[in-house]
Amino acid sequence: MDNENEFGADLVTVQDEDGNEHQFELIDAIETDDGRYVALLPVYDDPAETLNDDGELIILQVMEEDGEEMLVPIEDDEAFDEIADIFEERLSDLYEIEEMEDEPEN
């Protein structure tokens, strides 16, 4: 039996600083000279919570400590923006996300 749910998504469980576990869907992962990063979307048990979610990606860095991988927030704002731009570009190609542009009216 594999670790995927019925939709075939890769799920990741992240524990916050209070010890609460949250489930996320792994959308994408990249490796740069500075490290490894993942883009996650929250997974909710309650469909109402899914509707209220803003759909914003959670971007975390993969760190290794004592042989175990941990997901940690990216502390540096500049690094975060750079990684977020990479994910946005990759995912827009993958999912053909069209950016909404305000076109001037003639």
PDB file of N, CA and C in Angstrom:
ATOM      1  N   MET A   1       0.857  -1.182   0.000  1.00  0.00           N
ATOM      2  CA  MET A   1       0.000   0.000   0.000  1.00  0.00           C
ATOM      3  C   MET A   1       0.897   1.238   0.000  1.00  0.00           C
ATOM      4  N   ASP A   2       0.551   2.217  -0.858  1.00  0.00           N
ATOM      5  CA  ASP A   2       1.393   3.402  -0.906  1.00  0.00           C
ATOM      6  C   ASP A   2       0.868   4.483   0.033  1.00  0.00           C
ATOM      7  N   ASN A   3       1.627   5.561   0.144  1.00  0.00           N
ATOM      8  CA  ASN A   3       1.284   6.621   1.082  1.00  0.00           C
ATOM      9  C   ASN A   3       0.448   7.723   0.447  1.00  0.00           C
ATOM     10  N   GLU A   4      -0.189   7.440  -0.678  1.00  0.00           N
ATOM     11  CA  GLU A   4      -0.967   8.460  -1.353  1.00  0.00           C
ATOM     12  C   GLU A   4      -2.435   8.273  -1.035  1.00  0.00           C
ATOM     13  N   ASN A   5      -3.165   9.403  -1.009  1.00  0.00           N
ATOM     14  CA  ASN A   5      -4.600   9.298  -0.777  1.00  0.00           C
ATOM     15  C   ASN A   5      -5.306   8.922  -2.071  1.00  0.00           C
ATOM     16  N   GLU A   6      -6.620   8.881  -2.058  1.00  0.00           N
ATOM     17  CA  GLU A   6      -7.337   8.391  -3.230  1.00  0.00           C
ATOM     18  C   GLU A   6      -7.190   9.291  -4.447  1.00  0.00           C
ATOM     19  N   PHE A   7      -6.737  10.524  -4.265  1.00  0.00           N
ATOM     20  CA  PHE A   7      -6.550  11.422  -5.392  1.00  0.00           C
ATOM     21  C   PHE A   7      -5.142  11.323  -5.972  1.00  0.00           C
ATOM     22  N   GLY A   8      -4.283  10.545  -5.359  1.00  0.00           N
ATOM     23  CA  GLY A   8      -2.926  10.381  -5.863  1.00  0.00           C
ATOM     24  C   GLY A   8      -2.000  11.521  -5.484  1.00  0.00           C
ATOM     25  N   ALA A   9      -2.387  12.344  -4.518  1.00  0.00           N
ATOM     26  CA  ALA A   9      -1.554  13.477  -4.114  1.00  0.00           C
ATOM     27  C   ALA A   9      -0.505  13.034  -3.107  1.00  0.00           C
ATOM     28  N   ASP A  10       0.648  13.711  -3.147  1.00  0.00           N
ATOM     29  CA  ASP A  10       1.682  13.471  -2.143  1.00  0.00           C
ATOM     30  C   ASP A  10       1.356  14.330  -0.935  1.00  0.00           C
ATOM     31  N   LEU A  11       1.088  13.684   0.192  1.00  0.00           N
ATOM     32  CA  LEU A  11       0.742  14.421   1.398  1.00  0.00           C
ATOM     33  C   LEU A  11       1.914  14.471   2.361  1.00  0.00           C
ATOM     34  N   VAL A  12       2.062  15.613   3.017  1.00  0.00           N
ATOM     35  CA  VAL A  12       3.132  15.839   3.972  1.00  0.00           C
ATOM     36  C   VAL A  12       2.494  16.320   5.265  1.00  0.00           C
ATOM     37  N   THR A  13       2.943  15.775   6.398  1.00  0.00           N
ATOM     38  CA  THR A  13       2.449  16.242   7.692  1.00  0.00           C
ATOM     39  C   THR A  13       3.529  17.106   8.329  1.00  0.00           C
ATOM     40  N   VAL A  14       3.134  18.316   8.724  1.00  0.00           N
ATOM     41  CA  VAL A  14       4.066  19.268   9.327  1.00  0.00           C
ATOM     42  C   VAL A  14       3.585  19.563  10.741  1.00  0.00           C
ATOM     43  N   GLN A  15       4.523  19.551  11.678  1.00  0.00           N
ATOM     44  CA  GLN A  15       4.196  19.835  13.069  1.00  0.00           C
ATOM     45  C   GLN A  15       4.611  21.269  13.375  1.00  0.00           C
ATOM     46  N   ASP A  16       3.654  22.064  13.913  1.00  0.00           N
ATOM     47  CA  ASP A  16       3.998  23.453  14.243  1.00  0.00           C
ATOM     48  C   ASP A  16       4.683  23.526  15.607  1.00  0.00           C
ATOM     49  N   GLU A  17       5.044  24.753  16.011  1.00  0.00           N
ATOM     50  CA  GLU A  17       5.797  24.924  17.263  1.00  0.00           C
ATOM     51  C   GLU A  17       4.991  24.528  18.496  1.00  0.00           C
ATOM     52  N   ASP A  18       3.656  24.443  18.356  1.00  0.00           N
ATOM     53  CA  ASP A  18       2.818  24.023  19.481  1.00  0.00           C
ATOM     54  C   ASP A  18       2.576  22.511  19.489  1.00  0.00           C
ATOM     55  N   GLY A  19       3.177  21.801  18.530  1.00  0.00           N
ATOM     56  CA  GLY A  19       3.018  20.352  18.473  1.00  0.00           C
ATOM     57  C   GLY A  19       1.788  19.896  17.711  1.00  0.00           C
ATOM     58  N   ASN A  20       1.054  20.843  17.101  1.00  0.00           N
ATOM     59  CA  ASN A  20      -0.118  20.482  16.311  1.00  0.00           C
ATOM     60  C   ASN A  20       0.315  20.034  14.918  1.00  0.00           C
ATOM     61  N   GLU A  21      -0.316  18.979  14.422  1.00  0.00           N
ATOM     62  CA  GLU A  21       0.026  18.481  13.097  1.00  0.00           C
ATOM     63  C   GLU A  21      -0.936  19.038  12.058  1.00  0.00           C
ATOM     64  N   HIS A  22      -0.382  19.410  10.921  1.00  0.00           N
ATOM     65  CA  HIS A  22      -1.163  19.941   9.808  1.00  0.00           C
ATOM     66  C   HIS A  22      -0.783  19.164   8.557  1.00  0.00           C
ATOM     67  N   GLN A  23      -1.782  18.862   7.719  1.00  0.00           N
ATOM     68  CA  GLN A  23      -1.500  18.140   6.487  1.00  0.00           C
ATOM     69  C   GLN A  23      -1.456  19.090   5.311  1.00  0.00           C
ATOM     70  N   PHE A  24      -0.500  18.844   4.433  1.00  0.00           N
ATOM     71  CA  PHE A  24      -0.340  19.647   3.227  1.00  0.00           C
ATOM     72  C   PHE A  24      -0.151  18.723   2.033  1.00  0.00           C
ATOM     73  N   GLU A  25      -0.533  19.235   0.870  1.00  0.00           N
ATOM     74  CA  GLU A  25      -0.251  18.530  -0.374  1.00  0.00           C
ATOM     75  C   GLU A  25       1.037  19.103  -0.934  1.00  0.00           C
ATOM     76  N   LEU A  26       1.976  18.221  -1.277  1.00  0.00           N
ATOM     77  CA  LEU A  26       3.242  18.641  -1.876  1.00  0.00           C
ATOM     78  C   LEU A  26       2.980  18.957  -3.347  1.00  0.00           C
ATOM     79  N   ILE A  27       3.102  20.224  -3.699  1.00  0.00           N
ATOM     80  CA  ILE A  27       2.818  20.673  -5.062  1.00  0.00           C
ATOM     81  C   ILE A  27       4.069  20.609  -5.928  1.00  0.00           C
ATOM     82  N   ASP A  28       5.214  21.021  -5.368  1.00  0.00           N
ATOM     83  CA  ASP A  28       6.454  21.068  -6.140  1.00  0.00           C
ATOM     84  C   ASP A  28       7.634  21.099  -5.184  1.00  0.00           C
ATOM     85  N   ALA A  29       8.795  20.728  -5.687  1.00  0.00           N
ATOM     86  CA  ALA A  29      10.034  20.775  -4.902  1.00  0.00           C
ATOM     87  C   ALA A  29      11.166  21.190  -5.833  1.00  0.00           C
ATOM     88  N   ILE A  30      12.050  22.035  -5.333  1.00  0.00           N
ATOM     89  CA  ILE A  30      13.207  22.462  -6.131  1.00  0.00           C
ATOM     90  C   ILE A  30      14.460  22.408  -5.274  1.00  0.00           C
ATOM     91  N   GLU A  31      15.597  22.356  -5.970  1.00  0.00           N
ATOM     92  CA  GLU A  31      16.884  22.406  -5.284  1.00  0.00           C
ATOM     93  C   GLU A  31      17.711  23.506  -5.944  1.00  0.00           C
ATOM     94  N   THR A  32      18.249  24.406  -5.130  1.00  0.00           N
ATOM     95  CA  THR A  32      19.106  25.477  -5.639  1.00  0.00           C
ATOM     96  C   THR A  32      20.472  25.338  -4.975  1.00  0.00           C
ATOM     97  N   ASP A  33      21.369  26.256  -5.293  1.00  0.00           N
ATOM     98  CA  ASP A  33      22.687  26.255  -4.650  1.00  0.00           C
ATOM     99  C   ASP A  33      22.553  26.498  -3.155  1.00  0.00           C
ATOM    100  N   ASP A  34      21.461  27.170  -2.750  1.00  0.00           N
ATOM    101  CA  ASP A  34      21.264  27.518  -1.348  1.00  0.00           C
ATOM    102  C   ASP A  34      20.537  26.455  -0.537  1.00  0.00           C
ATOM    103  N   GLY A  35      19.919  25.474  -1.207  1.00  0.00           N
ATOM    104  CA  GLY A  35      19.205  24.452  -0.452  1.00  0.00           C
ATOM    105  C   GLY A  35      18.041  23.858  -1.217  1.00  0.00           C
ATOM    106  N   ARG A  36      17.248  23.061  -0.492  1.00  0.00           N
ATOM    107  CA  ARG A  36      16.068  22.418  -1.063  1.00  0.00           C
ATOM    108  C   ARG A  36      14.826  23.071  -0.490  1.00  0.00           C
ATOM    109  N   TYR A  37      13.819  23.236  -1.352  1.00  0.00           N
ATOM    110  CA  TYR A  37      12.598  23.928  -0.966  1.00  0.00           C
ATOM    111  C   TYR A  37      11.388  23.165  -1.479  1.00  0.00           C
ATOM    112  N   VAL A  38      10.269  23.297  -0.755  1.00  0.00           N
ATOM    113  CA  VAL A  38       9.031  22.665  -1.178  1.00  0.00           C
ATOM    114  C   VAL A  38       7.906  23.701  -1.182  1.00  0.00           C
ATOM    115  N   ALA A  39       6.956  23.493  -2.092  1.00  0.00           N
ATOM    116  CA  ALA A  39       5.746  24.320  -2.146  1.00  0.00           C
ATOM    117  C   ALA A  39       4.589  23.418  -1.742  1.00  0.00           C
ATOM    118  N   LEU A  40       3.830  23.861  -0.741  1.00  0.00           N
ATOM    119  CA  LEU A  40       2.746  23.059  -0.179  1.00  0.00           C
ATOM    120  C   LEU A  40       1.432  23.832  -0.222  1.00  0.00           C
ATOM    121  N   LEU A  41       0.336  23.077  -0.288  1.00  0.00           N
ATOM    122  CA  LEU A  41      -0.999  23.648  -0.132  1.00  0.00           C
ATOM    123  C   LEU A  41      -1.658  22.959   1.043  1.00  0.00           C
ATOM    124  N   PRO A  42      -2.365  23.698   1.900  1.00  0.00           N
ATOM    125  CA  PRO A  42      -3.050  23.073   3.041  1.00  0.00           C
ATOM    126  C   PRO A  42      -4.120  22.090   2.579  1.00  0.00           C
ATOM    127  N   VAL A  43      -4.269  21.000   3.335  1.00  0.00           N
ATOM    128  CA  VAL A  43      -5.327  20.021   3.093  1.00  0.00           C
ATOM    129  C   VAL A  43      -6.251  20.077   4.303  1.00  0.00           C
ATOM    130  N   TYR A  44      -7.531  20.217   4.048  1.00  0.00           N
ATOM    131  CA  TYR A  44      -8.509  20.337   5.135  1.00  0.00           C
ATOM    132  C   TYR A  44      -9.458  19.143   5.135  1.00  0.00           C
ATOM    133  N   ASP A  45      -9.850  18.726   6.341  1.00  0.00           N
ATOM    134  CA  ASP A  45     -10.863  17.677   6.471  1.00  0.00           C
ATOM    135  C   ASP A  45     -12.246  18.238   6.167  1.00  0.00           C
ATOM    136  N   ASP A  46     -12.440  19.507   6.523  1.00  0.00           N
ATOM    137  CA  ASP A  46     -13.735  20.156   6.382  1.00  0.00           C
ATOM    138  C   ASP A  46     -13.776  20.939   5.064  1.00  0.00           C
ATOM    139  N   PRO A  47     -14.694  20.580   4.151  1.00  0.00           N
ATOM    140  CA  PRO A  47     -14.772  21.287   2.862  1.00  0.00           C
ATOM    141  C   PRO A  47     -14.977  22.789   3.014  1.00  0.00           C
ATOM    142  N   ALA A  48     -15.657  23.230   4.074  1.00  0.00           N
ATOM    143  CA  ALA A  48     -15.875  24.667   4.292  1.00  0.00           C
ATOM    144  C   ALA A  48     -14.541  25.382   4.510  1.00  0.00           C
ATOM    145  N   GLU A  49     -13.618  24.731   5.204  1.00  0.00           N
ATOM    146  CA  GLU A  49     -12.296  25.336   5.430  1.00  0.00           C
ATOM    147  C   GLU A  49     -11.540  25.460   4.112  1.00  0.00           C
ATOM    148  N   THR A  50     -11.722  24.473   3.228  1.00  0.00           N
ATOM    149  CA  THR A  50     -11.068  24.520   1.923  1.00  0.00           C
ATOM    150  C   THR A  50     -11.569  25.724   1.140  1.00  0.00           C
ATOM    151  N   LEU A  51     -12.863  25.974   1.195  1.00  0.00           N
ATOM    152  CA  LEU A  51     -13.444  27.116   0.472  1.00  0.00           C
ATOM    153  C   LEU A  51     -12.927  28.439   1.014  1.00  0.00           C
ATOM    154  N   ASN A  52     -12.676  28.511   2.324  1.00  0.00           N
ATOM    155  CA  ASN A  52     -12.218  29.749   2.946  1.00  0.00           C
ATOM    156  C   ASN A  52     -10.718  29.986   2.784  1.00  0.00           C
ATOM    157  N   ASP A  53      -9.985  28.971   2.321  1.00  0.00           N
ATOM    158  CA  ASP A  53      -8.544  29.102   2.157  1.00  0.00           C
ATOM    159  C   ASP A  53      -8.247  30.056   1.004  1.00  0.00           C
ATOM    160  N   ASP A  54      -7.194  30.864   1.153  1.00  0.00           N
ATOM    161  CA  ASP A  54      -6.864  31.829   0.108  1.00  0.00           C
ATOM    162  C   ASP A  54      -6.066  31.222  -1.044  1.00  0.00           C
ATOM    163  N   GLY A  55      -5.720  29.940  -0.929  1.00  0.00           N
ATOM    164  CA  GLY A  55      -5.018  29.260  -2.011  1.00  0.00           C
ATOM    165  C   GLY A  55      -3.555  29.621  -2.116  1.00  0.00           C
ATOM    166  N   GLU A  56      -3.045  30.322  -1.106  1.00  0.00           N
ATOM    167  CA  GLU A  56      -1.646  30.731  -1.147  1.00  0.00           C
ATOM    168  C   GLU A  56      -0.739  29.552  -0.827  1.00  0.00           C
ATOM    169  N   LEU A  57       0.328  29.429  -1.602  1.00  0.00           N
ATOM    170  CA  LEU A  57       1.295  28.360  -1.364  1.00  0.00           C
ATOM    171  C   LEU A  57       2.057  28.596  -0.070  1.00  0.00           C
ATOM    172  N   ILE A  58       2.358  27.517   0.626  1.00  0.00           N
ATOM    173  CA  ILE A  58       3.249  27.555   1.780  1.00  0.00           C
ATOM    174  C   ILE A  58       4.607  27.100   1.260  1.00  0.00           C
ATOM    175  N   ILE A  59       5.621  27.952   1.395  1.00  0.00           N
ATOM    176  CA  ILE A  59       6.952  27.619   0.887  1.00  0.00           C
ATOM    177  C   ILE A  59       7.893  27.453   2.068  1.00  0.00           C
ATOM    178  N   LEU A  60       8.492  26.271   2.162  1.00  0.00           N
ATOM    179  CA  LEU A  60       9.379  25.953   3.282  1.00  0.00           C
ATOM    180  C   LEU A  60      10.702  25.413   2.767  1.00  0.00           C
ATOM    181  N   GLN A  61      11.734  25.556   3.590  1.00  0.00           N
ATOM    182  CA  GLN A  61      13.048  25.013   3.256  1.00  0.00           C
ATOM    183  C   GLN A  61      13.195  23.652   3.917  1.00  0.00           C
ATOM    184  N   VAL A  62      13.839  22.729   3.208  1.00  0.00           N
ATOM    185  CA  VAL A  62      14.104  21.396   3.746  1.00  0.00           C
ATOM    186  C   VAL A  62      15.477  21.436   4.417  1.00  0.00           C
ATOM    187  N   MET A  63      15.493  21.174   5.714  1.00  0.00           N
ATOM    188  CA  MET A  63      16.750  21.149   6.466  1.00  0.00           C
ATOM    189  C   MET A  63      16.949  19.741   7.013  1.00  0.00           C
ATOM    190  N   GLU A  64      18.199  19.345   7.176  1.00  0.00           N
ATOM    191  CA  GLU A  64      18.474  18.038   7.753  1.00  0.00           C
ATOM    192  C   GLU A  64      19.114  18.221   9.116  1.00  0.00           C
ATOM    193  N   GLU A  65      18.559  17.535  10.113  1.00  0.00           N
ATOM    194  CA  GLU A  65      19.089  17.608  11.468  1.00  0.00           C
ATOM    195  C   GLU A  65      19.088  16.207  12.058  1.00  0.00           C
ATOM    196  N   ASP A  66      20.240  15.749  12.479  1.00  0.00           N
ATOM    197  CA  ASP A  66      20.384  14.407  13.048  1.00  0.00           C
ATOM    198  C   ASP A  66      19.845  13.335  12.102  1.00  0.00           C
ATOM    199  N   GLY A  67      20.089  13.519  10.797  1.00  0.00           N
ATOM    200  CA  GLY A  67      19.667  12.518   9.821  1.00  0.00           C
ATOM    201  C   GLY A  67      18.193  12.566   9.476  1.00  0.00           C
ATOM    202  N   GLU A  68      17.448  13.508  10.071  1.00  0.00           N
ATOM    203  CA  GLU A  68      16.020  13.628   9.773  1.00  0.00           C
ATOM    204  C   GLU A  68      15.750  14.920   9.036  1.00  0.00           C
ATOM    205  N   GLU A  69      14.867  14.847   8.032  1.00  0.00           N
ATOM    206  CA  GLU A  69      14.507  16.044   7.299  1.00  0.00           C
ATOM    207  C   GLU A  69      13.427  16.814   8.041  1.00  0.00           C
ATOM    208  N   MET A  70      13.613  18.130   8.095  1.00  0.00           N
ATOM    209  CA  MET A  70      12.627  19.006   8.736  1.00  0.00           C
ATOM    210  C   MET A  70      12.287  20.115   7.755  1.00  0.00           C
ATOM    211  N   LEU A  71      11.045  20.586   7.816  1.00  0.00           N
ATOM    212  CA  LEU A  71      10.629  21.714   7.000  1.00  0.00           C
ATOM    213  C   LEU A  71      10.598  22.952   7.880  1.00  0.00           C
ATOM    214  N   VAL A  72      11.318  23.991   7.459  1.00  0.00           N
ATOM    215  CA  VAL A  72      11.413  25.210   8.262  1.00  0.00           C
ATOM    216  C   VAL A  72      11.094  26.426   7.391  1.00  0.00           C
ATOM    217  N   PRO A  73      10.561  27.484   8.009  1.00  0.00           N
ATOM    218  CA  PRO A  73      10.297  28.715   7.255  1.00  0.00           C
ATOM    219  C   PRO A  73      11.596  29.312   6.726  1.00  0.00           C
ATOM    220  N   ILE A  74      11.498  30.009   5.605  1.00  0.00           N
ATOM    221  CA  ILE A  74      12.645  30.721   5.042  1.00  0.00           C
ATOM    222  C   ILE A  74      12.716  32.070   5.749  1.00  0.00           C
ATOM    223  N   GLU A  75      13.789  32.287   6.513  1.00  0.00           N
ATOM    224  CA  GLU A  75      13.913  33.486   7.352  1.00  0.00           C
ATOM    225  C   GLU A  75      14.221  34.749   6.547  1.00  0.00           C
ATOM    226  N   ASP A  76      15.017  34.601   5.491  1.00  0.00           N
ATOM    227  CA  ASP A  76      15.472  35.748   4.708  1.00  0.00           C
ATOM    228  C   ASP A  76      14.395  36.141   3.684  1.00  0.00           C
ATOM    229  N   ASP A  77      13.878  37.374   3.796  1.00  0.00           N
ATOM    230  CA  ASP A  77      12.797  37.820   2.903  1.00  0.00           C
ATOM    231  C   ASP A  77      13.211  37.800   1.436  1.00  0.00           C
ATOM    232  N   GLU A  78      14.441  38.212   1.169  1.00  0.00           N
ATOM    233  CA  GLU A  78      14.927  38.242  -0.211  1.00  0.00           C
ATOM    234  C   GLU A  78      15.004  36.830  -0.786  1.00  0.00           C
ATOM    235  N   ALA A  79      15.521  35.892   0.007  1.00  0.00           N
ATOM    236  CA  ALA A  79      15.596  34.493  -0.429  1.00  0.00           C
ATOM    237  C   ALA A  79      14.194  33.932  -0.642  1.00  0.00           C
ATOM    238  N   PHE A  80      13.272  34.260   0.265  1.00  0.00           N
ATOM    239  CA  PHE A  80      11.891  33.779   0.144  1.00  0.00           C
ATOM    240  C   PHE A  80      11.280  34.257  -1.170  1.00  0.00           C
ATOM    241  N   ASP A  81      11.432  35.551  -1.464  1.00  0.00           N
ATOM    242  CA  ASP A  81      10.864  36.113  -2.699  1.00  0.00           C
ATOM    243  C   ASP A  81      11.445  35.430  -3.931  1.00  0.00           C
ATOM    244  N   GLU A  82      12.753  35.170  -3.896  1.00  0.00           N
ATOM    245  CA  GLU A  82      13.424  34.520  -5.020  1.00  0.00           C
ATOM    246  C   GLU A  82      12.867  33.109  -5.238  1.00  0.00           C
ATOM    247  N   ILE A  83      12.736  32.350  -4.156  1.00  0.00           N
ATOM    248  CA  ILE A  83      12.222  30.977  -4.245  1.00  0.00           C
ATOM    249  C   ILE A  83      10.749  30.993  -4.657  1.00  0.00           C
ATOM    250  N   ALA A  84       9.968  31.930  -4.103  1.00  0.00           N
ATOM    251  CA  ALA A  84       8.549  32.032  -4.457  1.00  0.00           C
ATOM    252  C   ALA A  84       8.390  32.322  -5.948  1.00  0.00           C
ATOM    253  N   ASP A  85       9.246  33.187  -6.502  1.00  0.00           N
ATOM    254  CA  ASP A  85       9.182  33.495  -7.931  1.00  0.00           C
ATOM    255  C   ASP A  85       9.480  32.259  -8.776  1.00  0.00           C
ATOM    256  N   ILE A  86      10.458  31.457  -8.344  1.00  0.00           N
ATOM    257  CA  ILE A  86      10.799  30.229  -9.079  1.00  0.00           C
ATOM    258  C   ILE A  86       9.602  29.275  -9.080  1.00  0.00           C
ATOM    259  N   PHE A  87       8.997  29.067  -7.902  1.00  0.00           N
ATOM    260  CA  PHE A  87       7.844  28.178  -7.825  1.00  0.00           C
ATOM    261  C   PHE A  87       6.693  28.705  -8.685  1.00  0.00           C
ATOM    262  N   GLU A  88       6.448  30.011  -8.608  1.00  0.00           N
ATOM    263  CA  GLU A  88       5.341  30.598  -9.364  1.00  0.00           C
ATOM    264  C   GLU A  88       5.532  30.371 -10.859  1.00  0.00           C
ATOM    265  N   GLU A  89       6.761  30.568 -11.331  1.00  0.00           N
ATOM    266  CA  GLU A  89       7.055  30.378 -12.748  1.00  0.00           C
ATOM    267  C   GLU A  89       6.883  28.908 -13.145  1.00  0.00           C
ATOM    268  N   ARG A  90       7.418  28.008 -12.324  1.00  0.00           N
ATOM    269  CA  ARG A  90       7.312  26.569 -12.618  1.00  0.00           C
ATOM    270  C   ARG A  90       5.860  26.113 -12.609  1.00  0.00           C
ATOM    271  N   LEU A  91       5.102  26.566 -11.614  1.00  0.00           N
ATOM    272  CA  LEU A  91       3.722  26.118 -11.482  1.00  0.00           C
ATOM    273  C   LEU A  91       2.821  26.741 -12.540  1.00  0.00           C
ATOM    274  N   SER A  92       3.126  27.970 -12.966  1.00  0.00           N
ATOM    275  CA  SER A  92       2.305  28.571 -14.015  1.00  0.00           C
ATOM    276  C   SER A  92       2.488  27.791 -15.313  1.00  0.00           C
ATOM    277  N   ASP A  93       3.707  27.281 -15.556  1.00  0.00           N
ATOM    278  CA  ASP A  93       3.942  26.439 -16.732  1.00  0.00           C
ATOM    279  C   ASP A  93       3.231  25.099 -16.573  1.00  0.00           C
ATOM    280  N   LEU A  94       3.335  24.516 -15.401  1.00  0.00           N
ATOM    281  CA  LEU A  94       2.769  23.195 -15.139  1.00  0.00           C
ATOM    282  C   LEU A  94       1.243  23.214 -15.180  1.00  0.00           C
ATOM    283  N   TYR A  95       0.656  24.205 -14.552  1.00  0.00           N
ATOM    284  CA  TYR A  95      -0.802  24.259 -14.449  1.00  0.00           C
ATOM    285  C   TYR A  95      -1.429  25.258 -15.419  1.00  0.00           C
ATOM    286  N   GLU A  96      -0.585  25.872 -16.269  1.00  0.00           N
ATOM    287  CA  GLU A  96      -1.056  26.858 -17.224  1.00  0.00           C
ATOM    288  C   GLU A  96      -1.905  27.925 -16.547  1.00  0.00           C
ATOM    289  N   ILE A  97      -1.378  28.441 -15.452  1.00  0.00           N
ATOM    290  CA  ILE A  97      -2.054  29.503 -14.720  1.00  0.00           C
ATOM    291  C   ILE A  97      -1.854  30.796 -15.508  1.00  0.00           C
ATOM    292  N   GLU A  98      -2.948  31.447 -15.788  1.00  0.00           N
ATOM    293  CA  GLU A  98      -2.841  32.713 -16.506  1.00  0.00           C
ATOM    294  C   GLU A  98      -2.911  33.847 -15.510  1.00  0.00           C
ATOM    295  N   GLU A  99      -1.964  34.762 -15.628  1.00  0.00           N
ATOM    296  CA  GLU A  99      -1.974  35.909 -14.737  1.00  0.00           C
ATOM    297  C   GLU A  99      -3.045  36.875 -15.208  1.00  0.00           C
ATOM    298  N   MET A 100      -3.773  37.412 -14.250  1.00  0.00           N
ATOM    299  CA  MET A 100      -4.804  38.390 -14.580  1.00  0.00           C
ATOM    300  C   MET A 100      -4.107  39.725 -14.802  1.00  0.00           C
ATOM    301  N   GLU A 101      -4.316  40.277 -15.975  1.00  0.00           N
ATOM    302  CA  GLU A 101      -3.697  41.560 -16.281  1.00  0.00           C
ATOM    303  C   GLU A 101      -4.793  42.586 -16.519  1.00  0.00           C
ATOM    304  N   ASP A 102      -4.589  43.779 -15.976  1.00  0.00           N
ATOM    305  CA  ASP A 102      -5.521  44.863 -16.243  1.00  0.00           C
ATOM    306  C   ASP A 102      -5.131  45.487 -17.570  1.00  0.00           C
ATOM    307  N   GLU A 103      -5.980  45.278 -18.567  1.00  0.00           N
ATOM    308  CA  GLU A 103      -5.681  45.850 -19.875  1.00  0.00           C
ATOM    309  C   GLU A 103      -6.347  47.218 -19.971  1.00  0.00           C
ATOM    310  N   PRO A 104      -5.598  48.183 -20.418  1.00  0.00           N
ATOM    311  CA  PRO A 104      -6.206  49.523 -20.546  1.00  0.00           C
ATOM    312  C   PRO A 104      -7.308  49.515 -21.594  1.00  0.00           C
ATOM    313  N   GLU A 105      -8.374  50.208 -21.280  1.00  0.00           N
ATOM    314  CA  GLU A 105      -9.479  50.296 -22.242  1.00  0.00           C
ATOM    315  C   GLU A 105      -9.196  51.413 -23.220  1.00  0.00           C
ATOM    316  N   ASN A 106      -9.442  51.137 -24.482  1.00  0.00           N
ATOM    317  CA  ASN A 106      -9.188  52.168 -25.510  1.00  0.00           C
ATOM    318  C   ASN A 106     -10.458  52.915 -25.831  1.00  0.00           C
TER     319      ASN A 106
END
